Amino acid sequence: MDDLTQAYGEKFLMYALVSEYPAIDYSDKPAEAIQVLREIAQQIEGVTDPFGKYINLQHAIGSIDDSGLSLANRLRLVCGGDLPEATDGDPVAALALAVARETYPLYLLLYPDSISGGRIGAPTIAYTHPASIPFCRAALQDPSLANLFPGVDTEKEVDPHAISSSIILSNGSGSGIQLIGLLPSMLDAAWRWCVLDSRPTAATYLEKVRAILGQIRLLAEGKKINVPHVIGIRGVDVPETITMKLPFGIIKSSVGWGVIGTPEIENQASALLVMHFPLEVLWIGREESNDEEQSKKWDELKGKFAVPRDENSRKLAMVQLSLLLASSEDRPKTATVAFDIILNPGILSGMSYGFNPTPMFRPAAAMLDETAARRVESWAKVVAERHPSSLDITMRRLITAFTVDRDPTDALIDGVICWENMLGSPQEAVLRVTSSMAKLIESRDPEKRKVIHAELKDIYKARSALVHGNSKQQPKRDKLHQYKNASLQYAIETLLRLYERPALLVEKDSGMRSQSILLDTYETTIRPLDAS
C-alpha cells in the first residue's frame, strides 16, 4: 500500500483523483493534485494520536474556498471530474445540498480501526460551511421545521447556537436538540441510510439528503414515517450478490456496511435483516423545559414505545423461524442477534441501537447460495400467511432451543412446551397431546402411528421427571440428547402439519385443536406448503 492510500484510503482517492480502480496509477494524474495530497499527509504525519490525525486530515481536505467548494472537490475538478448539481427550488434544501456536496468526500476518508468508540458524526464542515448558519435561519422560517423549536420568535434575528428543544420519539429515544446541530445530524443520517441502500455516490447521497429533509418535515408535522430498522444477525452468511426479499423485510450481505462505523460491532454480524420501523414524534418541549418535566413526560409515554418494538420483535422471530424451516435437519440455520439499530432521520443523533457483544452461542455461519435463499423466501411466505399468533410460544421456544447454547434438559422442556402450545389441554394432557400429534404426523399407517405415539409418551415422561425432580426416572445423558433432538423435530413436524390444515389453525385454543384431530371433526382440506 502506497503512502497516499495509507493516509487517505482507496475510496477517497478514487473520488478525488477520478479513478475507477483502487490500484491508482498516479502517473496520469495532475502533478499539482498529487503534490497537495502528499504535503497534507506529511504535515499530519507527526500527529501520534489516530483520532487527532484523522480530524486534522478531515479539516485540511474539507477546507472551503470563497466559492463554497472543499479542497477535496477542487482536486476532483482539477483531475477532470465533475460534481453533482447542488441546487433546489426549496431554499432549505438548496442550503442543505450545498453543504452535503462538500461533506460527501470526507465520509470517504479512511477511518482508522485503531480509533475506539466508532466513527464520529458528521464532519465538522457541516457546522462551519458558509451555508450552515443560513440553513438554520431558513429552517426556522420553514412552516414544518419550525415546529421542532416551539416558542422561538422567528421574526427576530437569532443565534442558532442558542436555540434548542427537547424531543421524544416513538422508538424510545429522546434528548435535547440544537438548531445548529440539525443539519449535521441530517447529513449524517443521510449517509447512514445511503450506505445501507447501496455503495453511495455523490449523486445518490444528495438525493438521500433531499429524502431525509422530507422525512424530517413529516415528523415535525406530527406524521408517522417508516425508517430503517436494521438487525445484525449471526449464523447466516449472505453473499453480496444475493438479497432475500421477505414479507417482513430483506436479508442482505453485511460486507462493506459501515452505518455504525464501529468494526468491533459490525463484524459480529454475518448478514443484515432490514425492516421498517414506524417512527413519530411523541413530544417536543421548549428549550426551557426542565429535567423534571421531561422525566414526567417520559413516564407518561413509555407505554407507547413497546407496541412498534413488539411488532418488529415478532417479525424478527418469524424470520428466524423461516430460516430454521428452510434448513436441513443435520444443520439447522440459526440466526441470533448481534445488534439492533433504528436509524432516525436526523432529528437526533442519527440512530439508536443495542448490541449483544457476548452471545452465549455463536454458531458457524451457514453460507447461503441462490437455491437456499429462494427456499428461505418460500418458507417466509408460508410463515407470514399461515402462522397464527396463538402459536407464537411454539415459534419463540423453537428459536430459543436452536439458537441458545443451553443444557439439553432446557431444550427438551422447550420442545414439549411447543407440543402443549399447539395441542395441549388441562385434562389428560399427556394422552391428548401425544395421541393428536401421532395422528397428525402419521395419518395413514396405524403401525407407524403406534411407534410415534410410544416415543412421544417416553419423551413426555422424561420431561415430567426432569420438571418434577424425579431423579430415579430422569434419562441418562445420552438418552437425554436423543429425547431433546426428537422433541424438537416432532415439534417442527407438528407445526408444519398444522400449517397445511387451515381449519386447525383457527381453532379457539390448543385443547379444541387436539379434540378436533382426535374426533376427526375438522375440515380436512390440505393446503400443500410448496416451500421445498
Protein backbone atom coordinates (compact mmCIF):
# COMPACT_ATOMS: atom_id res chain seq x y z
CA MET A 1 0.00 0.00 0.00
CA ASP A 2 1.49 3.36 -1.04
CA ASP A 3 1.75 6.37 1.26
CA LEU A 4 -1.28 8.19 -0.13
CA THR A 5 -3.52 5.14 0.16
CA GLN A 6 -2.36 4.67 3.75
CA ALA A 7 -3.21 8.27 4.57
CA TYR A 8 -6.48 8.76 2.67
CA GLY A 9 -7.84 5.32 1.78
CA GLU A 10 -8.80 3.95 -1.62
CA LYS A 11 -12.38 5.26 -1.67
CA PHE A 12 -11.35 8.87 -1.18
CA LEU A 13 -8.51 8.71 -3.71
CA MET A 14 -10.75 7.11 -6.34
CA TYR A 15 -13.18 10.00 -5.89
CA ALA A 16 -10.74 12.91 -5.64
CA LEU A 17 -8.41 11.68 -8.41
CA VAL A 18 -11.25 10.42 -10.62
CA SER A 19 -10.04 6.84 -10.82
CA GLU A 20 -12.19 3.79 -11.50
CA TYR A 21 -9.84 1.32 -9.85
CA PRO A 22 -8.46 1.01 -6.30
CA ALA A 23 -4.94 0.44 -7.68
CA ILE A 24 -4.40 4.06 -8.77
CA ASP A 25 -1.77 4.98 -11.34
CA TYR A 26 -0.61 8.42 -10.20
CA SER A 27 1.47 8.99 -13.32
CA ASP A 28 -1.52 10.17 -15.37
CA LYS A 29 -2.89 12.46 -12.66
CA PRO A 30 -2.15 16.22 -12.47
CA ALA A 31 1.11 16.71 -10.59
CA GLU A 32 -0.27 19.63 -8.56
CA ALA A 33 -3.10 17.45 -7.17
CA ILE A 34 -0.70 14.70 -6.11
CA GLN A 35 1.63 17.26 -4.56
CA VAL A 36 -1.15 18.79 -2.46
CA LEU A 37 -2.18 15.38 -1.15
CA ARG A 38 1.42 14.46 -0.28
CA GLU A 39 2.03 17.76 1.53
CA ILE A 40 -1.07 17.34 3.70
CA ALA A 41 -0.16 13.74 4.50
CA GLN A 42 3.35 14.83 5.51
CA GLN A 43 2.02 17.70 7.68
CA ILE A 44 -0.09 15.36 9.81
CA GLU A 45 2.46 12.54 9.92
CA GLY A 46 3.82 13.80 13.22
CA VAL A 47 0.43 13.56 14.96
CA THR A 48 0.62 10.37 17.04
CA ASP A 49 -2.99 10.19 18.19
CA PRO A 50 -5.01 8.34 15.48
CA PHE A 51 -8.14 10.37 16.19
CA GLY A 52 -6.24 13.65 16.13
CA LYS A 53 -4.60 12.66 12.86
CA TYR A 54 -8.00 11.83 11.32
CA ILE A 55 -9.53 15.14 12.45
CA ASN A 56 -6.57 17.13 11.10
CA LEU A 57 -6.82 15.34 7.78
CA GLN A 58 -10.56 15.98 7.64
CA HIS A 59 -10.06 19.69 8.34
CA ALA A 60 -7.40 20.05 5.65
CA ILE A 61 -9.30 18.17 2.95
CA GLY A 62 -12.54 19.91 3.93
CA SER A 63 -11.20 23.45 3.84
CA ILE A 64 -13.67 25.68 1.98
CA ASP A 65 -12.74 28.37 -0.57
CA ASP A 66 -14.70 31.55 -1.34
CA SER A 67 -16.92 29.68 -3.80
CA GLY A 68 -18.02 27.21 -1.13
CA LEU A 69 -16.05 24.26 -2.54
CA SER A 70 -13.99 21.95 -0.37
CA LEU A 71 -10.39 21.12 -1.23
CA ALA A 72 -11.49 17.56 -1.97
CA ASN A 73 -13.93 18.73 -4.64
CA ARG A 74 -11.46 21.25 -6.04
CA LEU A 75 -8.97 18.40 -6.52
CA ARG A 76 -11.65 16.39 -8.28
CA LEU A 77 -12.30 19.20 -10.71
CA VAL A 78 -8.56 19.60 -11.38
CA CYS A 79 -8.42 15.89 -12.21
CA GLY A 80 -11.18 16.24 -14.79
CA GLY A 81 -14.10 15.08 -12.66
CA ASP A 82 -17.50 16.68 -12.25
CA LEU A 83 -19.75 17.49 -9.31
CA PRO A 84 -23.48 16.82 -8.93
CA GLU A 85 -25.85 19.76 -9.02
CA ALA A 86 -26.48 21.08 -5.51
CA THR A 87 -29.40 23.35 -6.34
CA ASP A 88 -33.07 23.19 -5.46
CA GLY A 89 -36.10 25.47 -5.63
CA ASP A 90 -36.68 24.79 -1.95
CA PRO A 91 -34.42 27.26 -0.06
CA VAL A 92 -33.87 24.90 2.90
CA ALA A 93 -33.00 22.00 0.59
CA ALA A 94 -30.68 24.18 -1.51
CA LEU A 95 -28.63 25.17 1.56
CA ALA A 96 -28.54 21.59 2.84
CA LEU A 97 -27.35 20.29 -0.54
CA ALA A 98 -24.62 22.91 -0.76
CA VAL A 99 -23.15 21.62 2.49
CA ALA A 100 -23.85 17.96 1.69
CA ARG A 101 -21.87 18.05 -1.56
CA GLU A 102 -18.76 19.17 0.34
CA THR A 103 -19.41 16.69 3.16
CA TYR A 104 -19.61 13.65 0.88
CA PRO A 105 -15.86 13.20 0.11
CA LEU A 106 -14.98 13.49 3.81
CA TYR A 107 -17.07 10.41 4.56
CA LEU A 108 -14.84 8.54 2.09
CA LEU A 109 -11.66 9.19 4.07
CA LEU A 110 -10.05 6.15 5.64
CA TYR A 111 -11.22 5.85 9.25
CA PRO A 112 -8.51 4.11 11.29
CA ASP A 113 -9.54 0.88 13.03
CA SER A 114 -7.32 1.93 15.93
CA ILE A 115 -9.83 4.63 16.94
CA SER A 116 -12.03 3.18 19.66
CA GLY A 117 -15.69 4.05 20.04
CA GLY A 118 -16.59 4.10 16.36
CA ARG A 119 -16.92 6.79 13.73
CA ILE A 120 -17.93 10.24 14.92
CA GLY A 121 -20.94 12.01 13.45
CA ALA A 122 -20.97 14.39 10.53
CA PRO A 123 -17.66 16.07 9.60
CA THR A 124 -17.10 19.47 11.21
CA ILE A 125 -17.58 21.10 7.82
CA ALA A 126 -21.32 20.54 8.41
CA TYR A 127 -21.05 23.14 11.21
CA THR A 128 -18.55 25.54 9.64
CA HIS A 129 -19.61 25.70 5.98
CA PRO A 130 -20.76 29.21 4.94
CA ALA A 131 -24.25 27.81 4.23
CA SER A 132 -24.68 26.23 7.68
CA ILE A 133 -25.94 29.31 9.54
CA PRO A 134 -28.24 30.38 6.68
CA PHE A 135 -29.67 26.84 6.74
CA CYS A 136 -30.53 27.21 10.43
CA ARG A 137 -32.29 30.51 9.86
CA ALA A 138 -34.14 29.15 6.83
CA ALA A 139 -35.26 26.16 8.92
CA LEU A 140 -36.88 28.50 11.47
CA GLN A 141 -38.81 30.16 8.64
CA ASP A 142 -39.97 26.78 7.31
CA PRO A 143 -43.58 26.16 8.48
CA SER A 144 -42.84 22.49 9.19
CA LEU A 145 -39.30 22.55 10.59
CA ALA A 146 -40.13 25.47 12.90
CA ASN A 147 -42.34 23.06 14.88
CA LEU A 148 -39.18 21.39 16.17
CA PHE A 149 -38.32 24.54 18.12
CA PRO A 150 -41.52 25.77 19.79
CA GLY A 151 -41.62 29.19 21.36
CA VAL A 152 -38.90 30.76 19.18
CA ASP A 153 -39.69 34.21 17.85
CA THR A 154 -38.96 33.68 14.17
CA GLU A 155 -39.36 37.40 13.44
CA LYS A 156 -36.11 38.19 15.27
CA GLU A 157 -32.52 37.50 14.26
CA VAL A 158 -31.43 34.54 16.39
CA ASP A 159 -28.19 32.79 17.23
CA PRO A 160 -28.60 29.14 16.06
CA HIS A 161 -26.23 28.04 18.84
CA ALA A 162 -28.68 29.35 21.42
CA ILE A 163 -31.83 27.65 20.07
CA SER A 164 -32.75 24.20 21.39
CA SER A 165 -35.66 22.00 22.40
CA SER A 166 -36.31 18.55 23.83
CA ILE A 167 -37.82 15.69 21.86
CA ILE A 168 -39.05 12.13 22.46
CA LEU A 169 -39.52 9.69 19.56
CA SER A 170 -41.67 6.56 19.41
CA ASN A 171 -38.61 4.27 19.28
CA GLY A 172 -37.82 5.28 22.86
CA SER A 173 -35.00 7.66 22.04
CA GLY A 174 -35.02 11.25 23.18
CA SER A 175 -32.74 14.12 24.11
CA GLY A 176 -32.16 17.79 23.59
CA ILE A 177 -31.82 19.04 20.03
CA GLN A 178 -29.93 22.17 18.99
CA LEU A 179 -30.79 24.15 15.90
CA ILE A 180 -27.09 24.32 14.96
CA GLY A 181 -26.96 20.52 15.11
CA LEU A 182 -29.98 19.86 12.90
CA LEU A 183 -28.09 19.97 9.59
CA PRO A 184 -25.12 17.85 10.76
CA SER A 185 -27.49 15.22 12.19
CA MET A 186 -29.49 15.26 8.96
CA LEU A 187 -26.39 14.84 6.78
CA ASP A 188 -25.07 12.03 8.96
CA ALA A 189 -28.40 10.22 8.85
CA ALA A 190 -28.46 10.58 5.06
CA TRP A 191 -25.02 8.99 4.85
CA ARG A 192 -26.06 6.04 7.00
CA TRP A 193 -29.26 5.49 5.04
CA CYS A 194 -27.36 5.79 1.78
CA VAL A 195 -24.73 3.24 2.81
CA LEU A 196 -27.48 0.87 3.85
CA ASP A 197 -29.14 1.04 0.41
CA SER A 198 -26.03 0.77 -1.75
CA ARG A 199 -22.46 1.89 -2.22
CA PRO A 200 -23.12 5.64 -2.29
CA THR A 201 -22.07 8.10 -4.95
CA ALA A 202 -22.14 11.87 -4.58
CA ALA A 203 -25.36 11.99 -6.57
CA THR A 204 -27.15 9.29 -4.56
CA TYR A 205 -26.01 10.93 -1.33
CA LEU A 206 -27.55 14.26 -2.33
CA GLU A 207 -30.79 12.51 -3.27
CA LYS A 208 -30.85 10.88 0.15
CA VAL A 209 -30.34 14.28 1.79
CA ARG A 210 -33.42 15.54 -0.07
CA ALA A 211 -35.37 12.48 1.10
CA ILE A 212 -34.24 12.88 4.71
CA LEU A 213 -35.31 16.53 4.74
CA GLY A 214 -38.75 15.45 3.56
CA GLN A 215 -38.95 12.83 6.30
CA ILE A 216 -37.98 15.32 8.99
CA ARG A 217 -40.67 17.71 7.80
CA LEU A 218 -43.28 14.97 8.08
CA LEU A 219 -42.17 14.16 11.62
CA ALA A 220 -42.24 17.83 12.55
CA GLU A 221 -45.83 17.99 11.26
CA GLY A 222 -46.79 15.19 13.65
CA LYS A 223 -46.98 12.49 10.98
CA LYS A 224 -45.67 8.94 11.17
CA ILE A 225 -42.90 7.75 8.84
CA ASN A 226 -41.14 4.44 8.21
CA VAL A 227 -37.42 4.37 8.99
CA PRO A 228 -34.91 1.52 8.61
CA HIS A 229 -34.77 -0.96 11.47
CA VAL A 230 -31.56 -2.94 10.97
CA ILE A 231 -30.83 -6.20 12.78
CA GLY A 232 -27.32 -7.58 12.50
CA ILE A 233 -27.64 -11.37 12.60
CA ARG A 234 -25.16 -14.16 13.17
CA GLY A 235 -25.27 -17.66 11.80
CA VAL A 236 -26.29 -16.97 8.19
CA ASP A 237 -23.72 -15.69 5.69
CA VAL A 238 -25.19 -13.95 2.65
CA PRO A 239 -23.02 -13.18 -0.42
CA GLU A 240 -23.10 -9.63 -1.79
CA THR A 241 -24.82 -10.94 -4.92
CA ILE A 242 -27.89 -12.19 -3.02
CA THR A 243 -30.72 -10.24 -1.42
CA MET A 244 -33.64 -12.13 0.09
CA LYS A 245 -36.98 -10.32 -0.13
CA LEU A 246 -39.24 -11.50 2.67
CA PRO A 247 -42.71 -10.33 3.75
CA PHE A 248 -41.09 -8.92 6.89
CA GLY A 249 -38.14 -7.13 5.26
CA ILE A 250 -34.97 -8.05 3.40
CA ILE A 251 -31.88 -10.06 4.33
CA LYS A 252 -28.68 -8.88 2.68
CA SER A 253 -24.92 -9.15 2.98
CA SER A 254 -23.16 -7.27 5.75
CA VAL A 255 -19.96 -6.96 3.66
CA GLY A 256 -18.76 -3.39 3.29
CA TRP A 257 -21.50 -2.00 5.52
CA GLY A 258 -20.48 0.84 7.80
CA VAL A 259 -23.56 2.51 9.18
CA ILE A 260 -22.40 2.25 12.79
CA GLY A 261 -18.78 2.93 11.97
CA THR A 262 -17.60 0.58 14.70
CA PRO A 263 -15.89 -2.53 13.27
CA GLU A 264 -15.93 -4.42 16.56
CA ILE A 265 -19.73 -4.23 16.49
CA GLU A 266 -20.37 -4.56 12.77
CA ASN A 267 -18.02 -7.54 12.38
CA GLN A 268 -20.20 -9.51 14.78
CA ALA A 269 -22.88 -9.82 12.08
CA SER A 270 -22.71 -12.20 9.13
CA ALA A 271 -25.86 -10.74 7.49
CA LEU A 272 -28.36 -7.90 7.89
CA LEU A 273 -32.11 -8.01 8.31
CA VAL A 274 -33.64 -4.67 7.29
CA MET A 275 -37.23 -3.91 8.31
CA HIS A 276 -39.35 -0.78 8.64
CA PHE A 277 -39.97 0.92 11.97
CA PRO A 278 -42.96 3.29 12.29
CA LEU A 279 -41.47 6.44 13.81
CA GLU A 280 -43.24 9.52 15.09
CA VAL A 281 -42.58 12.42 17.42
CA LEU A 282 -44.40 11.87 20.70
CA TRP A 283 -43.40 15.09 22.43
CA ILE A 284 -41.49 18.32 21.78
CA GLY A 285 -40.63 20.54 24.71
CA ARG A 286 -39.47 24.14 24.76
CA GLU A 287 -35.82 24.81 25.42
CA GLU A 288 -36.63 25.94 28.95
CA SER A 289 -38.19 22.51 29.76
CA ASN A 290 -36.58 21.24 32.94
CA ASP A 291 -35.42 17.72 33.72
CA GLU A 292 -38.41 17.07 35.97
CA GLU A 293 -40.86 17.94 33.20
CA GLN A 294 -39.01 15.76 30.69
CA SER A 295 -38.87 12.84 33.13
CA LYS A 296 -42.60 13.11 33.81
CA LYS A 297 -43.39 13.18 30.11
CA TRP A 298 -41.13 10.18 29.54
CA ASP A 299 -43.03 8.17 32.16
CA GLU A 300 -46.33 9.12 30.51
CA LEU A 301 -45.19 8.00 27.07
CA LYS A 302 -43.05 4.93 27.73
CA GLY A 303 -46.01 2.58 27.29
CA LYS A 304 -46.19 3.66 23.64
CA PHE A 305 -42.59 2.61 22.97
CA ALA A 306 -43.36 -1.10 23.37
CA VAL A 307 -46.01 -1.51 20.66
CA PRO A 308 -43.89 -0.98 17.50
CA ARG A 309 -40.93 -2.70 19.17
CA ASP A 310 -43.06 -5.76 19.93
CA GLU A 311 -44.39 -5.86 16.37
CA ASN A 312 -40.89 -5.90 14.92
CA SER A 313 -39.70 -8.42 17.51
CA ARG A 314 -42.40 -10.77 16.22
CA LYS A 315 -41.30 -10.14 12.62
CA LEU A 316 -37.73 -10.97 13.62
CA ALA A 317 -38.92 -14.22 15.21
CA MET A 318 -40.80 -15.10 12.01
CA VAL A 319 -37.62 -14.54 10.02
CA GLN A 320 -35.69 -16.79 12.41
CA LEU A 321 -38.39 -19.45 12.11
CA SER A 322 -38.32 -19.21 8.31
CA LEU A 323 -34.54 -19.75 8.31
CA LEU A 324 -34.97 -22.75 10.58
CA LEU A 325 -37.69 -24.34 8.45
CA ALA A 326 -35.65 -23.77 5.28
CA SER A 327 -32.63 -25.58 6.69
CA SER A 328 -31.75 -29.25 6.68
CA GLU A 329 -32.17 -31.43 9.77
CA ASP A 330 -28.45 -32.15 10.02
CA ARG A 331 -27.51 -28.45 10.07
CA PRO A 332 -30.26 -26.06 11.09
CA LYS A 333 -29.68 -22.46 10.03
CA THR A 334 -29.87 -20.49 13.24
CA ALA A 335 -29.92 -16.71 13.42
CA THR A 336 -29.04 -14.80 16.56
CA VAL A 337 -28.99 -11.03 17.05
CA ALA A 338 -25.65 -9.21 17.05
CA PHE A 339 -27.01 -5.66 17.08
CA ASP A 340 -30.30 -3.84 16.73
CA ILE A 341 -30.42 -0.37 15.15
CA ILE A 342 -33.19 2.07 14.36
CA LEU A 343 -31.99 4.79 12.01
CA ASN A 344 -33.51 8.10 12.98
CA PRO A 345 -33.83 10.57 10.08
CA GLY A 346 -31.54 13.11 11.70
CA ILE A 347 -33.67 14.85 14.32
CA LEU A 348 -31.49 13.30 17.00
CA SER A 349 -28.05 11.75 16.71
CA GLY A 350 -28.96 9.66 13.68
CA MET A 351 -29.52 6.24 15.23
CA SER A 352 -30.33 4.36 18.41
CA TYR A 353 -29.06 0.85 18.83
CA GLY A 354 -28.44 -2.07 21.11
CA PHE A 355 -25.58 -4.53 20.91
CA ASN A 356 -25.11 -8.05 22.22
CA PRO A 357 -21.29 -8.31 22.50
CA THR A 358 -21.06 -11.69 24.24
CA PRO A 359 -23.51 -14.16 22.71
CA MET A 360 -23.93 -17.37 24.68
CA PHE A 361 -23.85 -19.28 21.44
CA ARG A 362 -22.27 -18.13 18.19
CA PRO A 363 -22.87 -20.77 15.53
CA ALA A 364 -20.66 -21.02 12.49
CA ALA A 365 -22.31 -19.03 9.73
CA ALA A 366 -24.03 -21.15 7.08
CA MET A 367 -23.29 -19.74 3.63
CA LEU A 368 -26.46 -19.36 1.59
CA ASP A 369 -26.40 -19.92 -2.15
CA GLU A 370 -29.12 -18.82 -4.57
CA THR A 371 -31.12 -22.03 -4.12
CA ALA A 372 -31.04 -21.82 -0.33
CA ALA A 373 -32.02 -18.13 -0.45
CA ARG A 374 -35.08 -18.90 -2.55
CA ARG A 375 -36.05 -21.62 -0.04
CA VAL A 376 -35.89 -19.09 2.76
CA GLU A 377 -38.10 -16.73 0.76
CA SER A 378 -40.64 -19.51 0.15
CA TRP A 379 -40.77 -20.50 3.82
CA ALA A 380 -41.08 -16.87 4.88
CA LYS A 381 -44.15 -16.56 2.68
CA VAL A 382 -45.65 -19.66 4.32
CA VAL A 383 -44.94 -18.35 7.81
CA ALA A 384 -46.31 -14.89 7.00
CA GLU A 385 -49.53 -16.30 5.56
CA ARG A 386 -50.22 -19.17 7.94
CA HIS A 387 -48.59 -18.65 11.32
CA PRO A 388 -51.23 -17.54 13.87
CA SER A 389 -50.35 -15.52 16.96
CA SER A 390 -51.75 -18.34 19.12
CA LEU A 391 -48.66 -20.41 18.16
CA ASP A 392 -46.12 -17.69 18.94
CA ILE A 393 -44.97 -19.57 22.04
CA THR A 394 -44.10 -22.50 19.78
CA MET A 395 -42.20 -20.15 17.46
CA ARG A 396 -40.23 -18.49 20.25
CA ARG A 397 -39.40 -21.73 22.06
CA LEU A 398 -38.15 -23.37 18.86
CA ILE A 399 -35.95 -20.37 18.14
CA THR A 400 -34.58 -20.39 21.68
CA ALA A 401 -33.87 -24.11 21.55
CA PHE A 402 -31.90 -23.79 18.31
CA THR A 403 -30.12 -20.50 18.97
CA VAL A 404 -29.12 -20.58 22.63
CA ASP A 405 -26.42 -22.96 23.86
CA ARG A 406 -28.01 -24.44 26.97
CA ASP A 407 -28.27 -27.71 28.80
CA PRO A 408 -30.21 -30.30 26.73
CA THR A 409 -32.67 -30.51 29.62
CA ASP A 410 -33.86 -26.97 28.87
CA ALA A 411 -34.13 -27.62 25.14
CA LEU A 412 -36.14 -30.81 25.81
CA ILE A 413 -38.52 -28.85 28.02
CA ASP A 414 -38.80 -26.19 25.29
CA GLY A 415 -39.73 -28.87 22.77
CA VAL A 416 -42.54 -30.28 24.91
CA ILE A 417 -43.82 -26.78 25.70
CA CYS A 418 -44.19 -26.37 21.92
CA TRP A 419 -46.30 -29.54 21.87
CA GLU A 420 -48.55 -28.18 24.62
CA ASN A 421 -48.90 -24.79 22.97
CA MET A 422 -50.09 -26.47 19.79
CA LEU A 423 -52.24 -29.31 21.17
CA GLY A 424 -52.31 -29.15 24.97
CA SER A 425 -55.29 -29.44 27.29
CA PRO A 426 -55.74 -29.07 31.07
CA GLN A 427 -57.35 -32.53 31.18
CA GLU A 428 -55.49 -35.70 30.20
CA ALA A 429 -52.66 -33.61 28.79
CA VAL A 430 -50.24 -36.44 28.02
CA LEU A 431 -52.83 -38.59 26.27
CA ARG A 432 -54.41 -35.73 24.34
CA VAL A 433 -51.11 -34.20 23.19
CA THR A 434 -49.29 -37.39 22.23
CA SER A 435 -52.30 -39.02 20.56
CA SER A 436 -53.24 -35.97 18.47
CA MET A 437 -49.59 -35.41 17.49
CA ALA A 438 -49.16 -39.03 16.40
CA LYS A 439 -52.37 -38.91 14.38
CA LEU A 440 -51.41 -35.60 12.77
CA ILE A 441 -47.87 -36.69 11.89
CA GLU A 442 -48.82 -40.18 10.63
CA SER A 443 -52.40 -40.19 9.37
CA ARG A 444 -52.22 -43.28 7.14
CA ASP A 445 -50.23 -46.11 8.70
CA PRO A 446 -51.58 -47.25 12.11
CA GLU A 447 -48.43 -49.24 12.93
CA LYS A 448 -46.13 -46.31 12.33
CA ARG A 449 -48.52 -44.17 14.33
CA LYS A 450 -48.20 -46.52 17.29
CA VAL A 451 -44.40 -46.28 17.18
CA ILE A 452 -44.53 -42.49 17.07
CA HIS A 453 -47.06 -42.40 19.90
CA ALA A 454 -44.89 -44.60 22.08
CA GLU A 455 -41.84 -42.39 21.52
CA LEU A 456 -43.84 -39.25 22.23
CA LYS A 457 -45.01 -40.71 25.54
CA ASP A 458 -41.44 -41.66 26.50
CA ILE A 459 -40.29 -38.12 25.81
CA TYR A 460 -43.20 -36.68 27.80
CA LYS A 461 -42.38 -39.00 30.70
CA ALA A 462 -38.73 -37.88 30.66
CA ARG A 463 -39.78 -34.24 30.59
CA SER A 464 -42.09 -34.74 33.57
CA ALA A 465 -39.33 -36.48 35.56
CA LEU A 466 -36.98 -33.56 34.87
CA VAL A 467 -39.52 -30.85 35.70
CA HIS A 468 -40.69 -32.52 38.90
CA GLY A 469 -37.21 -33.51 40.09
CA ASN A 470 -37.77 -37.27 39.95
CA SER A 471 -34.12 -38.35 39.87
CA LYS A 472 -34.94 -42.07 39.57
CA GLN A 473 -36.82 -41.62 36.30
CA GLN A 474 -34.62 -38.95 34.74
CA PRO A 475 -32.97 -40.15 31.49
CA LYS A 476 -29.23 -40.74 31.23
CA ARG A 477 -27.17 -38.14 29.40
CA ASP A 478 -27.04 -39.90 26.04
CA LYS A 479 -30.76 -40.59 26.14
CA LEU A 480 -31.41 -37.00 27.16
CA HIS A 481 -29.72 -35.71 23.99
CA GLN A 482 -31.76 -38.17 21.92
CA TYR A 483 -35.02 -37.04 23.54
CA LYS A 484 -34.09 -33.38 23.12
CA ASN A 485 -33.48 -33.74 19.38
CA ALA A 486 -36.63 -35.82 18.91
CA SER A 487 -38.82 -33.41 20.89
CA LEU A 488 -37.75 -30.51 18.68
CA GLN A 489 -38.10 -32.41 15.41
CA TYR A 490 -41.56 -33.61 16.41
CA ALA A 491 -42.47 -30.02 17.33
CA ILE A 492 -41.41 -28.80 13.88
CA GLU A 493 -43.21 -31.66 12.14
CA THR A 494 -46.41 -30.93 14.07
CA LEU A 495 -46.20 -27.22 13.27
CA LEU A 496 -45.84 -27.99 9.55
CA ARG A 497 -48.84 -30.34 9.62
CA LEU A 498 -50.87 -27.57 11.24
CA TYR A 499 -49.75 -25.09 8.58
CA GLU A 500 -51.20 -27.50 6.00
CA ARG A 501 -54.60 -27.57 7.74
CA PRO A 502 -56.19 -24.08 7.88
CA ALA A 503 -59.20 -25.34 9.81
CA LEU A 504 -56.98 -26.34 12.75
CA LEU A 505 -55.14 -23.03 12.82
CA VAL A 506 -58.35 -21.10 13.56
CA GLU A 507 -59.47 -23.29 16.48
CA LYS A 508 -60.23 -21.39 19.67
CA ASP A 509 -57.36 -22.95 21.62
CA SER A 510 -54.95 -25.87 21.68
CA GLY A 511 -57.39 -28.14 23.54
CA MET A 512 -60.09 -27.67 20.91
CA ARG A 513 -57.45 -28.27 18.25
CA SER A 514 -56.38 -31.64 19.67
CA GLN A 515 -60.02 -32.62 20.19
CA SER A 516 -60.84 -31.87 16.56
CA ILE A 517 -57.92 -34.05 15.44
CA LEU A 518 -58.86 -36.98 17.67
CA LEU A 519 -62.55 -36.84 16.74
CA ASP A 520 -62.00 -36.07 13.05
CA THR A 521 -64.38 -33.13 13.29
CA TYR A 522 -62.39 -30.55 11.32
CA GLU A 523 -62.38 -29.74 7.63
CA THR A 524 -59.54 -31.93 6.35
CA THR A 525 -58.66 -29.90 3.25
CA ILE A 526 -54.86 -29.89 2.85
CA ARG A 527 -53.02 -26.82 1.61
CA PRO A 528 -49.56 -28.01 0.47
CA LEU A 529 -46.71 -25.89 1.78
CA ASP A 530 -44.92 -25.53 -1.56
CA ALA A 531 -41.74 -24.37 0.15
CA SER A 532 -39.32 -27.13 -0.74
